[in-house]
Amino acid sequence: LTLRVINDISYLDLHTDLCSRCNLFIYLIENIPVDIEKVKTDADFAVGDAVRITSGSFENFMAKVSAVDAEKNRVTVLAEMFGGDETPVELGFDEIEKI
């Protein structure tokens, strides 16, 4: 293994064959503990619901739900822009709240 730092970015070079790299990758995935942040998974949003965007570039914008993807915990909303235009934005359930 070789650790290289170029422009403050670390690179790990593996001087092994592809199979060994795959085995190392699988080992790391299976054995490194990861904290998983729980996100809102309730599909309590429906098309037509009025919502407020709570994070990101459109934070505090009002919007209307235009599509719900419960499997991916995502919604598409029409965000009300200045001048009354509506822009479609795809967001996670945890990025909006009903108003």
Protein backbone atom coordinates (compact mmCIF):
# COMPACT_ATOMS: atom_id res chain seq x y z
CA LEU A 1 0.00 0.00 0.00
CA THR A 2 1.17 3.51 -0.75
CA LEU A 3 -0.46 6.68 0.56
CA ARG A 4 0.05 9.70 -1.66
CA VAL A 5 -1.04 13.25 -0.89
CA ILE A 6 -1.45 15.56 -3.88
CA ASN A 7 -2.96 19.02 -3.39
CA ASP A 8 -4.31 18.01 0.05
CA ILE A 9 -6.11 14.99 -1.47
CA SER A 10 -5.09 11.57 -0.23
CA TYR A 11 -4.78 8.67 -2.64
CA LEU A 12 -4.27 5.05 -1.65
CA ASP A 13 -2.41 2.98 -4.23
CA LEU A 14 -2.78 -0.76 -3.99
CA HIS A 15 0.11 -2.63 -5.54
CA THR A 16 -1.81 -5.88 -5.84
CA ASP A 17 -3.87 -7.69 -8.42
CA LEU A 18 -7.54 -6.88 -9.01
CA CYS A 19 -8.85 -9.85 -7.00
CA SER A 20 -6.91 -8.76 -3.90
CA ARG A 21 -8.24 -5.23 -4.27
CA CYS A 22 -11.80 -6.54 -4.44
CA ASN A 23 -11.26 -8.69 -1.35
CA LEU A 24 -9.84 -5.72 0.56
CA PHE A 25 -12.77 -3.55 -0.51
CA ILE A 26 -15.29 -6.18 0.60
CA TYR A 27 -13.46 -6.61 3.91
CA LEU A 28 -13.53 -2.86 4.55
CA ILE A 29 -17.24 -2.58 3.74
CA GLU A 30 -18.11 -5.48 6.03
CA ASN A 31 -15.90 -4.46 8.97
CA ILE A 32 -15.80 -0.66 9.21
CA PRO A 33 -18.56 0.63 11.49
CA VAL A 34 -20.68 3.33 9.91
CA ASP A 35 -23.17 5.62 11.59
CA ILE A 36 -26.32 5.74 9.51
CA GLU A 37 -28.44 8.83 9.90
CA LYS A 38 -32.11 8.00 10.14
CA VAL A 39 -34.26 10.04 7.82
CA LYS A 40 -37.98 10.51 7.60
CA THR A 41 -39.40 7.54 5.70
CA ASP A 42 -43.12 8.07 6.17
CA ALA A 43 -44.79 8.80 2.86
CA ASP A 44 -47.14 11.33 4.43
CA PHE A 45 -46.93 13.63 1.45
CA ALA A 46 -49.46 13.60 -1.38
CA VAL A 47 -49.67 15.33 -4.74
CA GLY A 48 -51.09 18.80 -4.21
CA ASP A 49 -49.81 19.23 -0.63
CA ALA A 50 -48.47 22.69 0.22
CA VAL A 51 -44.98 22.43 1.74
CA ARG A 52 -42.05 24.58 2.83
CA ILE A 53 -38.54 23.62 1.73
CA THR A 54 -36.36 23.35 4.86
CA SER A 55 -32.84 23.01 3.43
CA GLY A 56 -30.67 23.59 0.39
CA SER A 57 -30.71 26.32 -2.22
CA PHE A 58 -34.49 26.71 -2.01
CA GLU A 59 -34.68 26.83 1.82
CA ASN A 60 -37.81 28.66 3.06
CA PHE A 61 -39.43 28.62 -0.40
CA MET A 62 -43.07 27.55 -0.55
CA ALA A 63 -43.90 24.73 -2.94
CA LYS A 64 -46.57 22.29 -4.04
CA VAL A 65 -45.93 18.53 -4.24
CA SER A 66 -46.24 17.32 -7.84
CA ALA A 67 -44.94 13.72 -7.45
CA VAL A 68 -44.08 11.30 -4.62
CA ASP A 69 -41.59 8.41 -4.85
CA ALA A 70 -42.11 6.50 -1.58
CA GLU A 71 -39.51 3.84 -2.44
CA LYS A 72 -36.73 6.43 -2.71
CA ASN A 73 -38.14 8.78 -0.03
CA ARG A 74 -38.17 11.59 -2.62
CA VAL A 75 -40.72 14.12 -3.81
CA THR A 76 -40.84 16.49 -6.73
CA VAL A 77 -42.22 19.87 -5.83
CA LEU A 78 -43.02 22.99 -7.80
CA ALA A 79 -41.18 25.77 -5.96
CA GLU A 80 -42.73 29.22 -6.21
CA MET A 81 -40.13 31.57 -7.59
CA PHE A 82 -40.13 35.35 -7.72
CA GLY A 83 -42.66 36.60 -10.23
CA GLY A 84 -44.95 33.59 -9.76
CA ASP A 85 -42.97 31.11 -11.86
CA GLU A 86 -42.85 27.52 -10.63
CA THR A 87 -39.66 25.45 -10.84
CA PRO A 88 -39.62 21.66 -10.38
CA VAL A 89 -37.24 20.57 -7.62
CA GLU A 90 -36.54 17.00 -6.46
CA LEU A 91 -36.07 16.70 -2.70
CA GLY A 92 -35.91 14.12 0.06
CA PHE A 93 -38.76 13.72 2.57
CA ASP A 94 -36.44 15.21 5.20
CA GLU A 95 -36.00 18.43 3.20
CA ILE A 96 -39.64 19.58 3.30
CA GLU A 97 -42.42 20.08 5.80
CA LYS A 98 -46.17 20.45 5.36
CA ILE A 99 -47.63 23.89 5.95
